[in-house]
Amino acid sequence: MDWQKLYWEADNWVSHLAFYKDELQFLQKLLDRYFEDMVQHQNLDEIREEVMRFQDLKYTCNKLLANTREHRYQLALAIDQKDIEHSMAQQTHLGLQEKLQGFTLDITATKKEIQSITEELLESSKQ
């Protein structure tokens, strides 16, 4: 097992997740700014569902980021200790990889939905 390759991959995931976290904070500000207007112009159930999905994404991002940072730390230890029989780290790596792929799909869909809702709102407010 090439522990250094896994470490750099995990390090890359941490960078992506940190970026997603920042992006989610920006989207939160956007939602906070336009929430009342959205509720007045959009289907309340649709908005509520999207906000709940968004909150779940924020929680998932924070948890995934913490888990990936811990995994990266464990990989660094394995590299330092020249631990070549560390199957648990490999299983963790594969599990995180799967979760990250699912999270990436979820965040992309949610961003599109939030952008669509706010774009409609901004267009209607121009008229």
N, C-alpha and C. Protein backbone atom coordinates (compact mmCIF):
# COMPACT_ATOMS: atom_id res chain seq x y z
N MET A 1 0.85 -1.19 0.00
CA MET A 1 0.00 0.00 0.00
C MET A 1 0.89 1.24 0.00
N ASP A 2 0.57 2.16 -0.88
CA ASP A 2 1.32 3.42 -0.96
C ASP A 2 0.65 4.44 -0.05
N TRP A 3 1.14 4.51 1.19
CA TRP A 3 0.54 5.39 2.20
C TRP A 3 0.66 6.85 1.82
N GLN A 4 1.76 7.21 1.18
CA GLN A 4 1.93 8.61 0.79
C GLN A 4 0.88 9.03 -0.24
N LYS A 5 0.57 8.11 -1.16
CA LYS A 5 -0.46 8.42 -2.16
C LYS A 5 -1.81 8.62 -1.47
N LEU A 6 -2.13 7.75 -0.52
CA LEU A 6 -3.38 7.90 0.22
C LEU A 6 -3.39 9.19 1.03
N TYR A 7 -2.25 9.53 1.62
CA TYR A 7 -2.16 10.77 2.40
C TYR A 7 -2.44 11.98 1.50
N TRP A 8 -1.80 12.04 0.34
CA TRP A 8 -1.99 13.19 -0.54
C TRP A 8 -3.41 13.25 -1.08
N GLU A 9 -4.00 12.08 -1.30
CA GLU A 9 -5.40 12.06 -1.72
C GLU A 9 -6.30 12.60 -0.60
N ALA A 10 -6.06 12.16 0.62
CA ALA A 10 -6.84 12.65 1.76
C ALA A 10 -6.61 14.15 1.96
N ASP A 11 -5.39 14.60 1.76
CA ASP A 11 -5.08 16.02 1.88
C ASP A 11 -5.85 16.83 0.83
N ASN A 12 -5.96 16.28 -0.35
CA ASN A 12 -6.74 16.92 -1.42
C ASN A 12 -8.22 16.99 -1.04
N TRP A 13 -8.72 15.92 -0.43
CA TRP A 13 -10.12 15.91 0.02
C TRP A 13 -10.36 16.98 1.07
N VAL A 14 -9.41 17.13 1.98
CA VAL A 14 -9.55 18.17 3.02
C VAL A 14 -9.65 19.54 2.36
N SER A 15 -8.83 19.78 1.35
CA SER A 15 -8.89 21.07 0.63
C SER A 15 -10.25 21.28 -0.03
N HIS A 16 -10.75 20.24 -0.68
CA HIS A 16 -12.06 20.35 -1.33
C HIS A 16 -13.16 20.59 -0.31
N LEU A 17 -13.12 19.85 0.78
CA LEU A 17 -14.15 20.00 1.80
C LEU A 17 -14.09 21.37 2.47
N ALA A 18 -12.90 21.90 2.68
CA ALA A 18 -12.77 23.24 3.25
C ALA A 18 -13.36 24.27 2.28
N PHE A 19 -13.15 24.07 0.99
CA PHE A 19 -13.75 24.96 0.00
C PHE A 19 -15.27 24.84 0.03
N TYR A 20 -15.78 23.60 0.08
CA TYR A 20 -17.23 23.41 0.16
C TYR A 20 -17.80 24.07 1.40
N LYS A 21 -17.08 23.97 2.50
CA LYS A 21 -17.55 24.59 3.75
C LYS A 21 -17.68 26.10 3.56
N ASP A 22 -16.68 26.72 2.94
CA ASP A 22 -16.74 28.16 2.66
C ASP A 22 -17.90 28.49 1.72
N GLU A 23 -18.08 27.65 0.73
CA GLU A 23 -19.16 27.86 -0.23
C GLU A 23 -20.53 27.75 0.46
N LEU A 24 -20.65 26.80 1.37
CA LEU A 24 -21.90 26.65 2.12
C LEU A 24 -22.15 27.85 3.02
N GLN A 25 -21.10 28.43 3.57
CA GLN A 25 -21.26 29.63 4.39
C GLN A 25 -21.76 30.79 3.53
N PHE A 26 -21.24 30.90 2.32
CA PHE A 26 -21.71 31.94 1.40
C PHE A 26 -23.18 31.72 1.06
N LEU A 27 -23.54 30.47 0.74
CA LEU A 27 -24.93 30.17 0.41
C LEU A 27 -25.85 30.43 1.60
N GLN A 28 -25.34 30.20 2.81
CA GLN A 28 -26.14 30.49 4.01
C GLN A 28 -26.44 31.98 4.10
N LYS A 29 -25.45 32.80 3.79
CA LYS A 29 -25.66 34.25 3.79
C LYS A 29 -26.68 34.65 2.73
N LEU A 30 -26.60 33.99 1.59
CA LEU A 30 -27.55 34.26 0.51
C LEU A 30 -28.97 33.89 0.95
N LEU A 31 -29.10 32.73 1.56
CA LEU A 31 -30.41 32.31 2.06
C LEU A 31 -30.93 33.25 3.15
N ASP A 32 -30.05 33.62 4.07
CA ASP A 32 -30.45 34.53 5.14
C ASP A 32 -30.94 35.85 4.57
N ARG A 33 -30.23 36.34 3.57
CA ARG A 33 -30.54 37.64 2.97
C ARG A 33 -31.90 37.63 2.26
N TYR A 34 -32.18 36.54 1.54
CA TYR A 34 -33.36 36.51 0.69
C TYR A 34 -34.48 35.59 1.19
N PHE A 35 -34.34 35.04 2.39
CA PHE A 35 -35.31 34.06 2.86
C PHE A 35 -36.74 34.61 2.90
N GLU A 36 -36.91 35.76 3.47
CA GLU A 36 -38.27 36.33 3.56
C GLU A 36 -38.87 36.56 2.19
N ASP A 37 -38.07 37.07 1.28
CA ASP A 37 -38.55 37.29 -0.09
C ASP A 37 -38.88 35.96 -0.77
N MET A 38 -38.05 34.95 -0.52
CA MET A 38 -38.30 33.64 -1.11
C MET A 38 -39.63 33.08 -0.64
N VAL A 39 -39.88 33.21 0.65
CA VAL A 39 -41.11 32.67 1.22
C VAL A 39 -42.33 33.37 0.62
N GLN A 40 -42.21 34.65 0.33
CA GLN A 40 -43.33 35.39 -0.24
C GLN A 40 -43.58 35.04 -1.70
N HIS A 41 -42.53 34.67 -2.42
CA HIS A 41 -42.66 34.45 -3.87
C HIS A 41 -42.58 32.99 -4.29
N GLN A 42 -42.25 32.11 -3.39
CA GLN A 42 -42.06 30.70 -3.75
C GLN A 42 -42.99 29.82 -2.92
N ASN A 43 -43.03 28.57 -3.27
CA ASN A 43 -43.78 27.57 -2.53
C ASN A 43 -43.07 27.34 -1.20
N LEU A 44 -43.77 27.60 -0.10
CA LEU A 44 -43.17 27.49 1.23
C LEU A 44 -42.64 26.09 1.51
N ASP A 45 -43.38 25.07 1.10
CA ASP A 45 -42.92 23.70 1.33
C ASP A 45 -41.62 23.41 0.58
N GLU A 46 -41.51 23.92 -0.62
CA GLU A 46 -40.30 23.73 -1.42
C GLU A 46 -39.11 24.42 -0.75
N ILE A 47 -39.33 25.63 -0.28
CA ILE A 47 -38.26 26.39 0.39
C ILE A 47 -37.85 25.68 1.68
N ARG A 48 -38.83 25.26 2.46
CA ARG A 48 -38.54 24.58 3.71
C ARG A 48 -37.74 23.30 3.47
N GLU A 49 -38.13 22.54 2.46
CA GLU A 49 -37.43 21.30 2.12
C GLU A 49 -35.98 21.58 1.72
N GLU A 50 -35.81 22.62 0.92
CA GLU A 50 -34.46 22.98 0.45
C GLU A 50 -33.59 23.45 1.61
N VAL A 51 -34.16 24.23 2.51
CA VAL A 51 -33.41 24.71 3.68
C VAL A 51 -33.02 23.54 4.58
N MET A 52 -33.92 22.58 4.75
CA MET A 52 -33.59 21.41 5.57
C MET A 52 -32.49 20.58 4.91
N ARG A 53 -32.58 20.41 3.61
CA ARG A 53 -31.53 19.68 2.88
C ARG A 53 -30.20 20.43 3.00
N PHE A 54 -30.27 21.73 2.93
CA PHE A 54 -29.07 22.56 3.05
C PHE A 54 -28.44 22.41 4.44
N GLN A 55 -29.26 22.42 5.48
CA GLN A 55 -28.73 22.25 6.84
C GLN A 55 -28.08 20.88 7.00
N ASP A 56 -28.69 19.86 6.42
CA ASP A 56 -28.09 18.52 6.44
C ASP A 56 -26.73 18.51 5.75
N LEU A 57 -26.64 19.22 4.63
CA LEU A 57 -25.37 19.30 3.90
C LEU A 57 -24.29 19.97 4.75
N LYS A 58 -24.65 21.03 5.42
CA LYS A 58 -23.67 21.72 6.28
C LYS A 58 -23.16 20.78 7.36
N TYR A 59 -24.07 20.04 7.99
CA TYR A 59 -23.69 19.09 9.02
C TYR A 59 -22.78 17.99 8.44
N THR A 60 -23.19 17.45 7.30
CA THR A 60 -22.41 16.39 6.65
C THR A 60 -21.03 16.89 6.27
N CYS A 61 -20.95 18.10 5.75
CA CYS A 61 -19.66 18.68 5.37
C CYS A 61 -18.74 18.79 6.57
N ASN A 62 -19.25 19.34 7.67
CA ASN A 62 -18.42 19.50 8.87
C ASN A 62 -17.95 18.15 9.40
N LYS A 63 -18.84 17.17 9.42
CA LYS A 63 -18.49 15.84 9.93
C LYS A 63 -17.48 15.17 9.00
N LEU A 64 -17.72 15.25 7.71
CA LEU A 64 -16.82 14.65 6.74
C LEU A 64 -15.45 15.31 6.77
N LEU A 65 -15.43 16.61 6.95
CA LEU A 65 -14.15 17.34 7.04
C LEU A 65 -13.37 16.89 8.28
N ALA A 66 -14.05 16.79 9.41
CA ALA A 66 -13.39 16.34 10.65
C ALA A 66 -12.87 14.90 10.49
N ASN A 67 -13.69 14.03 9.93
CA ASN A 67 -13.27 12.64 9.75
C ASN A 67 -12.10 12.52 8.78
N THR A 68 -12.11 13.32 7.73
CA THR A 68 -11.04 13.28 6.74
C THR A 68 -9.74 13.83 7.33
N ARG A 69 -9.85 14.88 8.12
CA ARG A 69 -8.65 15.40 8.79
C ARG A 69 -8.06 14.36 9.73
N GLU A 70 -8.91 13.66 10.47
CA GLU A 70 -8.44 12.60 11.37
C GLU A 70 -7.80 11.47 10.58
N HIS A 71 -8.41 11.10 9.49
CA HIS A 71 -7.86 10.05 8.63
C HIS A 71 -6.50 10.47 8.08
N ARG A 72 -6.40 11.69 7.64
CA ARG A 72 -5.12 12.19 7.13
C ARG A 72 -4.05 12.12 8.22
N TYR A 73 -4.42 12.45 9.43
CA TYR A 73 -3.50 12.36 10.57
C TYR A 73 -3.06 10.91 10.78
N GLN A 74 -4.01 9.98 10.73
CA GLN A 74 -3.69 8.56 10.91
C GLN A 74 -2.77 8.06 9.79
N LEU A 75 -3.00 8.54 8.59
CA LEU A 75 -2.11 8.17 7.48
C LEU A 75 -0.71 8.72 7.69
N ALA A 76 -0.62 9.92 8.21
CA ALA A 76 0.70 10.50 8.50
C ALA A 76 1.43 9.65 9.54
N LEU A 77 0.70 9.17 10.54
CA LEU A 77 1.31 8.28 11.54
C LEU A 77 1.78 6.98 10.90
N ALA A 78 0.96 6.43 10.02
CA ALA A 78 1.33 5.18 9.34
C ALA A 78 2.60 5.38 8.51
N ILE A 79 2.71 6.53 7.87
CA ILE A 79 3.91 6.83 7.07
C ILE A 79 5.12 6.95 7.99
N ASP A 80 4.97 7.70 9.08
CA ASP A 80 6.09 7.89 10.02
C ASP A 80 6.55 6.59 10.65
N GLN A 81 5.58 5.72 10.94
CA GLN A 81 5.92 4.46 11.62
C GLN A 81 6.19 3.33 10.64
N LYS A 82 6.14 3.65 9.37
CA LYS A 82 6.34 2.66 8.32
C LYS A 82 5.44 1.44 8.55
N ASP A 83 4.18 1.74 8.87
CA ASP A 83 3.18 0.72 9.18
C ASP A 83 2.56 0.22 7.88
N ILE A 84 3.02 -0.95 7.43
CA ILE A 84 2.54 -1.46 6.14
C ILE A 84 1.34 -2.38 6.29
N GLU A 85 0.96 -2.74 7.49
CA GLU A 85 -0.17 -3.63 7.73
C GLU A 85 -1.28 -2.87 8.46
N HIS A 86 -1.76 -1.85 7.87
CA HIS A 86 -2.77 -1.03 8.52
C HIS A 86 -4.04 -1.05 7.68
N SER A 87 -4.73 -2.19 7.66
CA SER A 87 -5.89 -2.36 6.78
C SER A 87 -7.05 -1.47 7.18
N MET A 88 -7.12 -1.11 8.47
CA MET A 88 -8.21 -0.24 8.93
C MET A 88 -8.14 1.12 8.24
N ALA A 89 -6.96 1.65 8.06
CA ALA A 89 -6.80 2.94 7.39
C ALA A 89 -7.25 2.84 5.94
N GLN A 90 -6.96 1.72 5.31
CA GLN A 90 -7.37 1.54 3.92
C GLN A 90 -8.89 1.47 3.83
N GLN A 91 -9.54 0.76 4.76
CA GLN A 91 -11.00 0.68 4.77
C GLN A 91 -11.61 2.05 5.03
N THR A 92 -11.02 2.78 5.96
CA THR A 92 -11.49 4.14 6.25
C THR A 92 -11.37 5.01 5.01
N HIS A 93 -10.26 4.88 4.31
CA HIS A 93 -10.01 5.67 3.12
C HIS A 93 -11.09 5.41 2.06
N LEU A 94 -11.38 4.15 1.84
CA LEU A 94 -12.39 3.81 0.84
C LEU A 94 -13.78 4.30 1.27
N GLY A 95 -14.08 4.20 2.56
CA GLY A 95 -15.36 4.69 3.06
C GLY A 95 -15.49 6.19 2.90
N LEU A 96 -14.42 6.91 3.22
CA LEU A 96 -14.44 8.37 3.06
C LEU A 96 -14.56 8.75 1.59
N GLN A 97 -13.90 8.00 0.74
CA GLN A 97 -13.97 8.28 -0.69
C GLN A 97 -15.41 8.16 -1.19
N GLU A 98 -16.11 7.12 -0.75
CA GLU A 98 -17.51 6.93 -1.12
C GLU A 98 -18.38 8.07 -0.59
N LYS A 99 -18.18 8.43 0.67
CA LYS A 99 -18.98 9.51 1.27
C LYS A 99 -18.73 10.83 0.57
N LEU A 100 -17.48 11.08 0.22
CA LEU A 100 -17.13 12.33 -0.46
C LEU A 100 -17.79 12.39 -1.84
N GLN A 101 -17.83 11.27 -2.54
CA GLN A 101 -18.48 11.25 -3.85
C GLN A 101 -19.98 11.55 -3.72
N GLY A 102 -20.63 10.94 -2.74
CA GLY A 102 -22.04 11.20 -2.51
C GLY A 102 -22.29 12.64 -2.09
N PHE A 103 -21.44 13.15 -1.22
CA PHE A 103 -21.57 14.53 -0.76
C PHE A 103 -21.42 15.50 -1.93
N THR A 104 -20.46 15.24 -2.80
CA THR A 104 -20.22 16.11 -3.95
C THR A 104 -21.46 16.17 -4.85
N LEU A 105 -22.09 15.03 -5.07
CA LEU A 105 -23.32 15.02 -5.87
C LEU A 105 -24.43 15.80 -5.17
N ASP A 106 -24.57 15.60 -3.86
CA ASP A 106 -25.61 16.30 -3.10
C ASP A 106 -25.40 17.81 -3.09
N ILE A 107 -24.17 18.23 -2.87
CA ILE A 107 -23.93 19.67 -2.79
C ILE A 107 -24.13 20.33 -4.15
N THR A 108 -23.77 19.65 -5.21
CA THR A 108 -23.97 20.21 -6.54
C THR A 108 -25.46 20.40 -6.83
N ALA A 109 -26.26 19.40 -6.51
CA ALA A 109 -27.71 19.50 -6.73
C ALA A 109 -28.33 20.60 -5.87
N THR A 110 -27.92 20.68 -4.63
CA THR A 110 -28.49 21.69 -3.72
C THR A 110 -28.08 23.10 -4.15
N LYS A 111 -26.83 23.27 -4.54
CA LYS A 111 -26.38 24.59 -5.01
C LYS A 111 -27.19 25.03 -6.23
N LYS A 112 -27.41 24.11 -7.14
CA LYS A 112 -28.20 24.45 -8.33
C LYS A 112 -29.61 24.89 -7.95
N GLU A 113 -30.21 24.17 -7.00
CA GLU A 113 -31.57 24.49 -6.58
C GLU A 113 -31.62 25.85 -5.89
N ILE A 114 -30.69 26.11 -5.00
CA ILE A 114 -30.66 27.40 -4.30
C ILE A 114 -30.40 28.53 -5.28
N GLN A 115 -29.48 28.32 -6.21
CA GLN A 115 -29.20 29.35 -7.21
C GLN A 115 -30.41 29.60 -8.09
N SER A 116 -31.12 28.54 -8.44
CA SER A 116 -32.32 28.68 -9.26
C SER A 116 -33.39 29.48 -8.52
N ILE A 117 -33.60 29.16 -7.26
CA ILE A 117 -34.62 29.85 -6.46
C ILE A 117 -34.26 31.33 -6.32
N THR A 118 -33.01 31.62 -5.98
CA THR A 118 -32.62 33.02 -5.78
C THR A 118 -32.60 33.78 -7.11
N GLU A 119 -32.23 33.10 -8.18
CA GLU A 119 -32.23 33.76 -9.48
C GLU A 119 -33.66 34.15 -9.88
N GLU A 120 -34.61 33.23 -9.67
CA GLU A 120 -36.01 33.55 -9.96
C GLU A 120 -36.48 34.74 -9.14
N LEU A 121 -36.10 34.75 -7.89
CA LEU A 121 -36.48 35.84 -7.01
C LEU A 121 -35.90 37.17 -7.46
N LEU A 122 -34.62 37.16 -7.81
CA LEU A 122 -33.97 38.39 -8.27
C LEU A 122 -34.58 38.89 -9.59
N GLU A 123 -34.88 37.96 -10.47
CA GLU A 123 -35.51 38.34 -11.75
C GLU A 123 -36.90 38.95 -11.51
N SER A 124 -37.67 38.35 -10.61
CA SER A 124 -39.01 38.87 -10.35
C SER A 124 -38.95 40.23 -9.64
N SER A 125 -37.92 40.46 -8.86
CA SER A 125 -37.81 41.74 -8.15
C SER A 125 -37.34 42.86 -9.09
N LYS A 126 -36.70 42.50 -10.21
CA LYS A 126 -36.29 43.50 -11.19
C LYS A 126 -37.49 44.05 -11.95
N GLN A 127 -38.51 43.23 -12.09
CA GLN A 127 -39.67 43.61 -12.91
C GLN A 127 -40.65 44.42 -12.15
